[in-house]
N, C-alpha and C. Protein backbone atom coordinates (compact mmCIF):
# COMPACT_ATOMS: atom_id res chain seq x y z
N MET A 1 121.26 220.12 70.31
CA MET A 1 121.82 221.44 70.47
C MET A 1 121.17 222.14 71.67
N LEU A 2 119.86 222.00 71.78
CA LEU A 2 119.14 222.61 72.88
C LEU A 2 119.60 222.03 74.22
N LEU A 3 119.83 220.71 74.22
CA LEU A 3 120.29 220.06 75.45
C LEU A 3 121.67 220.59 75.86
N TYR A 4 122.54 220.84 74.87
CA TYR A 4 123.86 221.37 75.14
C TYR A 4 123.77 222.79 75.72
N VAL A 5 122.95 223.63 75.13
CA VAL A 5 122.79 225.01 75.61
C VAL A 5 122.23 225.02 77.02
N LEU A 6 121.23 224.19 77.27
CA LEU A 6 120.65 224.12 78.61
C LEU A 6 121.66 223.62 79.64
N THR A 7 122.46 222.66 79.24
CA THR A 7 123.48 222.13 80.16
C THR A 7 124.51 223.20 80.50
N ILE A 8 124.98 223.94 79.51
CA ILE A 8 125.96 225.00 79.76
C ILE A 8 125.34 226.11 80.60
N HIS A 9 124.12 226.50 80.27
CA HIS A 9 123.47 227.61 80.96
C HIS A 9 123.19 227.27 82.43
N TYR A 10 122.71 226.08 82.70
CA TYR A 10 122.35 225.68 84.06
C TYR A 10 123.40 224.79 84.72
N LYS A 11 124.64 224.90 84.27
CA LYS A 11 125.71 224.05 84.81
C LYS A 11 125.92 224.31 86.30
N SER A 12 125.78 225.52 86.73
CA SER A 12 125.98 225.83 88.15
C SER A 12 124.87 225.22 89.01
N TYR A 13 123.69 225.04 88.45
CA TYR A 13 122.58 224.46 89.21
C TYR A 13 122.59 222.93 89.18
N LEU A 14 123.23 222.37 88.15
CA LEU A 14 123.27 220.92 88.01
C LEU A 14 124.42 220.32 88.80
N ASN A 15 124.27 219.09 89.12
CA ASN A 15 125.35 218.34 89.74
C ASN A 15 126.47 218.19 88.70
N PRO A 16 127.72 218.50 89.04
CA PRO A 16 128.81 218.40 88.05
C PRO A 16 128.98 216.98 87.51
N VAL A 17 128.72 215.99 88.33
CA VAL A 17 128.84 214.60 87.88
C VAL A 17 127.77 214.31 86.83
N LEU A 18 126.57 214.80 87.05
CA LEU A 18 125.49 214.61 86.09
C LEU A 18 125.83 215.26 84.75
N ALA A 19 126.33 216.48 84.80
CA ALA A 19 126.65 217.19 83.57
C ALA A 19 127.82 216.54 82.84
N LYS A 20 128.86 216.15 83.58
CA LYS A 20 130.07 215.63 82.97
C LYS A 20 129.91 214.21 82.46
N TYR A 21 129.27 213.34 83.22
CA TYR A 21 129.25 211.92 82.88
C TYR A 21 127.96 211.43 82.25
N ILE A 22 126.92 212.25 82.27
CA ILE A 22 125.66 211.79 81.67
C ILE A 22 125.21 212.71 80.54
N LEU A 23 125.10 214.00 80.79
CA LEU A 23 124.53 214.89 79.78
C LEU A 23 125.46 215.12 78.58
N PHE A 24 126.73 215.39 78.81
CA PHE A 24 127.63 215.62 77.68
C PHE A 24 127.83 214.37 76.82
N PRO A 25 128.03 213.18 77.40
CA PRO A 25 128.08 211.98 76.54
C PRO A 25 126.77 211.72 75.80
N LEU A 26 125.65 212.02 76.44
CA LEU A 26 124.36 211.86 75.78
C LEU A 26 124.25 212.80 74.58
N ILE A 27 124.73 214.02 74.73
CA ILE A 27 124.72 214.98 73.63
C ILE A 27 125.60 214.48 72.48
N VAL A 28 126.77 213.95 72.80
CA VAL A 28 127.67 213.43 71.76
C VAL A 28 127.03 212.26 71.03
N ILE A 29 126.38 211.37 71.75
CA ILE A 29 125.72 210.22 71.13
C ILE A 29 124.59 210.67 70.21
N ILE A 30 123.80 211.63 70.64
CA ILE A 30 122.69 212.13 69.82
C ILE A 30 123.22 212.79 68.54
N ILE A 31 124.28 213.57 68.65
CA ILE A 31 124.85 214.23 67.47
C ILE A 31 125.41 213.21 66.50
N HIS A 32 126.10 212.18 67.01
CA HIS A 32 126.64 211.14 66.14
C HIS A 32 125.51 210.36 65.46
N TYR A 33 124.46 210.05 66.20
CA TYR A 33 123.33 209.34 65.62
C TYR A 33 122.70 210.15 64.49
N ALA A 34 122.51 211.44 64.71
CA ALA A 34 121.91 212.29 63.68
C ALA A 34 122.81 212.36 62.44
N PHE A 35 124.12 212.45 62.65
CA PHE A 35 125.05 212.50 61.53
C PHE A 35 125.00 211.22 60.71
N PHE A 36 125.07 210.07 61.37
CA PHE A 36 125.04 208.80 60.65
C PHE A 36 123.69 208.56 59.98
N TYR A 37 122.62 209.00 60.62
CA TYR A 37 121.29 208.88 60.01
C TYR A 37 121.24 209.68 58.72
N LEU A 38 121.76 210.90 58.74
CA LEU A 38 121.79 211.74 57.56
C LEU A 38 122.62 211.11 56.45
N ILE A 39 123.79 210.59 56.80
CA ILE A 39 124.66 209.96 55.80
C ILE A 39 123.98 208.76 55.16
N PHE A 40 123.37 207.89 55.96
CA PHE A 40 122.70 206.71 55.40
C PHE A 40 121.48 207.09 54.56
N ARG A 41 120.77 208.13 54.94
CA ARG A 41 119.64 208.59 54.13
C ARG A 41 120.13 209.14 52.79
N LEU A 42 121.25 209.86 52.78
CA LEU A 42 121.81 210.36 51.52
C LEU A 42 122.27 209.21 50.62
N ILE A 43 122.89 208.20 51.22
CA ILE A 43 123.32 207.04 50.44
C ILE A 43 122.11 206.33 49.85
N ARG A 44 121.06 206.16 50.63
CA ARG A 44 119.86 205.51 50.13
C ARG A 44 119.22 206.34 49.01
N TYR A 45 119.22 207.65 49.16
CA TYR A 45 118.64 208.53 48.14
C TYR A 45 119.40 208.41 46.82
N TYR A 46 120.72 208.44 46.87
CA TYR A 46 121.50 208.41 45.65
C TYR A 46 121.62 207.02 45.04
N ASN A 47 121.24 205.97 45.77
CA ASN A 47 121.35 204.62 45.24
C ASN A 47 120.01 204.02 44.84
N ASN A 48 118.97 204.80 44.74
CA ASN A 48 117.70 204.35 44.19
C ASN A 48 117.66 204.72 42.72
N LEU A 49 117.66 203.71 41.87
CA LEU A 49 117.69 203.95 40.44
C LEU A 49 116.44 203.40 39.79
N ILE A 50 115.93 204.09 38.79
CA ILE A 50 114.81 203.61 37.99
C ILE A 50 115.30 203.59 36.55
N LEU A 51 115.31 202.39 35.95
CA LEU A 51 115.78 202.21 34.59
C LEU A 51 114.60 201.87 33.69
N LEU A 52 114.48 202.54 32.57
CA LEU A 52 113.40 202.29 31.62
C LEU A 52 113.96 201.58 30.40
N LYS A 53 113.38 200.44 30.08
CA LYS A 53 113.72 199.71 28.86
C LYS A 53 112.48 199.70 27.96
N LYS A 54 112.58 199.06 26.81
CA LYS A 54 111.47 199.06 25.87
C LYS A 54 110.26 198.28 26.37
N ASP A 55 110.48 197.25 27.18
CA ASP A 55 109.36 196.42 27.61
C ASP A 55 109.18 196.36 29.12
N ALA A 56 110.07 196.98 29.87
CA ALA A 56 109.97 196.87 31.33
C ALA A 56 110.62 198.07 32.00
N MET A 57 110.34 198.17 33.28
CA MET A 57 110.91 199.22 34.12
C MET A 57 111.60 198.52 35.29
N PHE A 58 112.86 198.81 35.50
CA PHE A 58 113.63 198.20 36.57
C PHE A 58 113.81 199.21 37.70
N ILE A 59 113.58 198.76 38.92
CA ILE A 59 113.82 199.60 40.09
C ILE A 59 114.93 198.93 40.89
N VAL A 60 116.04 199.63 41.04
CA VAL A 60 117.20 199.09 41.75
C VAL A 60 117.38 199.91 43.02
N LYS A 61 117.28 199.24 44.16
CA LYS A 61 117.47 199.90 45.45
C LYS A 61 118.68 199.24 46.12
N THR A 62 119.69 200.03 46.37
CA THR A 62 120.89 199.51 47.03
C THR A 62 121.26 200.40 48.20
N SER A 63 122.04 199.84 49.09
CA SER A 63 122.53 200.58 50.24
C SER A 63 123.84 199.94 50.66
N LEU A 64 124.57 200.57 51.52
CA LEU A 64 125.83 200.00 51.97
C LEU A 64 125.62 198.78 52.85
N ILE A 65 124.72 198.87 53.78
CA ILE A 65 124.58 197.84 54.79
C ILE A 65 123.24 197.12 54.71
N GLU A 66 122.17 197.83 54.51
CA GLU A 66 120.84 197.31 54.77
C GLU A 66 120.34 196.29 53.77
N PHE A 67 120.19 196.64 52.50
CA PHE A 67 119.56 195.72 51.56
C PHE A 67 119.93 196.05 50.13
N ASP A 68 119.76 195.05 49.27
CA ASP A 68 119.85 195.23 47.83
C ASP A 68 118.58 194.64 47.24
N ASN A 69 117.91 195.38 46.41
CA ASN A 69 116.62 194.94 45.89
C ASN A 69 116.50 195.38 44.44
N ILE A 70 116.12 194.43 43.57
CA ILE A 70 115.88 194.74 42.16
C ILE A 70 114.46 194.29 41.84
N GLU A 71 113.66 195.22 41.33
CA GLU A 71 112.27 194.92 40.97
C GLU A 71 112.09 195.13 39.48
N LEU A 72 111.17 194.37 38.92
CA LEU A 72 110.84 194.48 37.51
C LEU A 72 109.35 194.75 37.37
N ILE A 73 109.00 195.82 36.70
CA ILE A 73 107.60 196.13 36.40
C ILE A 73 107.46 196.12 34.89
N GLU A 74 106.64 195.21 34.40
CA GLU A 74 106.41 195.15 32.96
C GLU A 74 105.46 196.27 32.55
N LEU A 75 105.74 196.88 31.42
CA LEU A 75 104.93 198.01 30.98
C LEU A 75 103.51 197.60 30.60
N ASP A 76 103.30 196.32 30.25
CA ASP A 76 101.95 195.84 29.95
C ASP A 76 101.05 195.89 31.17
N LYS A 77 101.62 195.74 32.34
CA LYS A 77 100.83 195.67 33.57
C LYS A 77 100.56 197.04 34.19
N ILE A 78 101.11 198.08 33.61
CA ILE A 78 100.87 199.44 34.13
C ILE A 78 99.56 199.95 33.54
N THR A 79 98.64 200.36 34.40
CA THR A 79 97.35 200.86 33.93
C THR A 79 97.27 202.39 33.97
N LYS A 80 97.94 203.01 34.92
CA LYS A 80 97.84 204.47 35.06
C LYS A 80 99.18 205.02 35.54
N ILE A 81 99.55 206.16 34.98
CA ILE A 81 100.78 206.85 35.37
C ILE A 81 100.40 208.28 35.74
N ASP A 82 100.86 208.73 36.89
CA ASP A 82 100.50 210.07 37.36
C ASP A 82 101.69 210.69 38.08
N THR A 83 101.65 211.99 38.28
CA THR A 83 102.70 212.69 39.01
C THR A 83 102.10 213.62 40.05
N GLN A 84 102.92 213.96 41.02
CA GLN A 84 102.55 214.96 42.02
C GLN A 84 103.75 215.85 42.29
N MET A 85 103.50 217.14 42.31
CA MET A 85 104.51 218.11 42.73
C MET A 85 103.80 219.06 43.68
N LYS A 86 104.00 218.86 44.97
CA LYS A 86 103.31 219.67 45.97
C LYS A 86 104.27 220.65 46.61
N GLY A 87 103.85 221.86 46.72
CA GLY A 87 104.62 222.86 47.45
C GLY A 87 105.54 223.68 46.57
N ILE A 88 106.03 224.74 47.17
CA ILE A 88 106.90 225.67 46.46
C ILE A 88 108.27 225.06 46.21
N ILE A 89 108.81 224.37 47.19
CA ILE A 89 110.16 223.82 47.05
C ILE A 89 110.22 222.78 45.95
N GLN A 90 109.22 221.89 45.88
CA GLN A 90 109.22 220.88 44.83
C GLN A 90 109.10 221.51 43.45
N ASN A 91 108.32 222.56 43.33
CA ASN A 91 108.19 223.22 42.04
C ASN A 91 109.44 223.99 41.66
N LEU A 92 110.09 224.63 42.62
CA LEU A 92 111.32 225.36 42.33
C LEU A 92 112.47 224.43 41.96
N LEU A 93 112.57 223.30 42.66
CA LEU A 93 113.66 222.37 42.41
C LEU A 93 113.32 221.30 41.37
N SER A 94 112.11 221.33 40.86
CA SER A 94 111.65 220.44 39.79
C SER A 94 111.75 218.96 40.16
N TYR A 95 111.23 218.61 41.32
CA TYR A 95 111.15 217.20 41.66
C TYR A 95 109.77 216.91 42.22
N GLY A 96 109.41 215.64 42.18
CA GLY A 96 108.09 215.27 42.65
C GLY A 96 107.98 213.77 42.83
N THR A 97 106.74 213.30 42.83
CA THR A 97 106.45 211.89 43.04
C THR A 97 105.85 211.31 41.77
N LEU A 98 106.37 210.17 41.35
CA LEU A 98 105.85 209.44 40.21
C LEU A 98 104.97 208.32 40.75
N ILE A 99 103.71 208.29 40.33
CA ILE A 99 102.75 207.31 40.84
C ILE A 99 102.37 206.38 39.70
N ILE A 100 102.59 205.08 39.92
CA ILE A 100 102.28 204.07 38.91
C ILE A 100 101.27 203.10 39.49
N GLU A 101 100.17 202.92 38.75
CA GLU A 101 99.14 201.98 39.16
C GLU A 101 99.24 200.75 38.28
N GLN A 102 99.27 199.57 38.92
CA GLN A 102 99.39 198.32 38.19
C GLN A 102 98.04 197.61 38.14
N ASN A 103 98.01 196.46 37.48
CA ASN A 103 96.76 195.73 37.24
C ASN A 103 95.99 195.42 38.51
N ARG A 104 96.58 194.85 39.47
CA ARG A 104 95.87 194.37 40.66
C ARG A 104 95.68 195.47 41.70
N ASP A 105 95.41 196.65 41.26
CA ASP A 105 95.22 197.82 42.14
C ASP A 105 96.42 198.07 43.04
N ARG A 106 97.57 197.68 42.58
CA ARG A 106 98.79 197.95 43.33
C ARG A 106 99.31 199.32 42.89
N VAL A 107 99.47 200.20 43.84
CA VAL A 107 99.94 201.56 43.56
C VAL A 107 101.37 201.69 44.07
N ARG A 108 102.25 202.12 43.19
CA ARG A 108 103.65 202.33 43.56
C ARG A 108 103.96 203.81 43.47
N GLU A 109 104.61 204.33 44.49
CA GLU A 109 105.01 205.73 44.50
C GLU A 109 106.53 205.81 44.55
N PHE A 110 107.09 206.60 43.67
CA PHE A 110 108.53 206.82 43.63
C PHE A 110 108.76 208.30 43.95
N HIS A 111 109.37 208.55 45.07
CA HIS A 111 109.57 209.91 45.55
C HIS A 111 110.89 210.48 45.02
N TYR A 112 110.98 211.79 45.02
CA TYR A 112 112.17 212.54 44.64
C TYR A 112 112.63 212.25 43.21
N ILE A 113 111.68 212.23 42.29
CA ILE A 113 111.99 212.05 40.87
C ILE A 113 112.20 213.43 40.26
N TYR A 114 113.34 213.60 39.59
CA TYR A 114 113.64 214.88 38.95
C TYR A 114 112.79 215.01 37.69
N LYS A 115 112.08 216.09 37.57
CA LYS A 115 111.17 216.37 36.45
C LYS A 115 110.25 215.17 36.18
N PRO A 116 109.31 214.90 37.08
CA PRO A 116 108.46 213.72 36.91
C PRO A 116 107.56 213.77 35.68
N TYR A 117 107.20 214.97 35.21
CA TYR A 117 106.37 215.07 34.01
C TYR A 117 107.12 214.56 32.78
N LYS A 118 108.41 214.81 32.76
CA LYS A 118 109.24 214.31 31.67
C LYS A 118 109.32 212.79 31.71
N ALA A 119 109.42 212.23 32.91
CA ALA A 119 109.45 210.77 33.06
C ALA A 119 108.13 210.15 32.62
N VAL A 120 107.01 210.79 32.96
CA VAL A 120 105.70 210.28 32.55
C VAL A 120 105.56 210.32 31.04
N ARG A 121 105.99 211.41 30.44
CA ARG A 121 105.92 211.53 28.98
C ARG A 121 106.76 210.44 28.31
N HIS A 122 107.94 210.19 28.85
CA HIS A 122 108.81 209.16 28.30
C HIS A 122 108.18 207.77 28.46
N LEU A 123 107.61 207.50 29.63
CA LEU A 123 106.95 206.21 29.86
C LEU A 123 105.77 206.02 28.91
N LYS A 124 104.99 207.06 28.70
CA LYS A 124 103.83 206.95 27.80
C LYS A 124 104.27 206.74 26.35
N GLU A 125 105.36 207.38 25.93
CA GLU A 125 105.88 207.17 24.58
C GLU A 125 106.33 205.73 24.40
N ILE A 126 107.04 205.19 25.38
CA ILE A 126 107.48 203.80 25.30
C ILE A 126 106.29 202.86 25.24
N LYS A 127 105.28 203.15 26.04
CA LYS A 127 104.08 202.31 26.07
C LYS A 127 103.34 202.36 24.73
N LYS A 128 103.24 203.55 24.11
CA LYS A 128 102.59 203.66 22.80
C LYS A 128 103.36 202.89 21.74
N GLN A 129 104.69 202.99 21.76
CA GLN A 129 105.51 202.24 20.80
C GLN A 129 105.32 200.74 20.99
N GLN A 130 105.22 200.32 22.23
CA GLN A 130 105.02 198.90 22.51
C GLN A 130 103.65 198.44 22.02
N GLN A 131 102.62 199.26 22.21
CA GLN A 131 101.28 198.90 21.74
C GLN A 131 101.23 198.86 20.21
N LYS A 132 101.94 199.78 19.54
CA LYS A 132 101.98 199.76 18.08
C LYS A 132 102.67 198.49 17.57
N SER A 133 103.76 198.12 18.21
CA SER A 133 104.47 196.91 17.77
C SER A 133 103.65 195.65 18.06
N ASN A 134 102.88 195.65 19.15
CA ASN A 134 102.03 194.49 19.46
C ASN A 134 100.85 194.41 18.49
N SER A 135 100.29 195.55 18.10
CA SER A 135 99.16 195.54 17.17
C SER A 135 99.62 195.19 15.75
N ALA A 136 100.86 195.51 15.41
CA ALA A 136 101.39 195.18 14.08
C ALA A 136 101.62 193.68 13.95
N LEU A 137 101.85 193.00 15.05
CA LEU A 137 102.07 191.55 15.00
C LEU A 137 100.74 190.89 14.86
């Protein structure tokens, strides 16, 4: 946008060929790139799913073009579950980061989780139920 304003403002000082054949197409390319980048980021955001089952947690990452990835994290291998909500916007919109620590000091962070404290509570309840069923056997 700034490049466009500068080009229009200083058009009389610039070479008309430079403005017409280089700067304006460059502005169009930059705007298109930003638009497509935003669209692909929104698609990636809405296609990251976390599914909780009784014995495992599935992470499904899909996109239109780039990749499809399905991960499985067993609840037995999770050692620590934590959340982060930093800033005013995250607290107002009730989203944050879910942090899961696994056995081999592997730390996984899941960003943009809606109500992460609720997700942690649900994960801990599932884990307690699993431990009770394992101790009963």
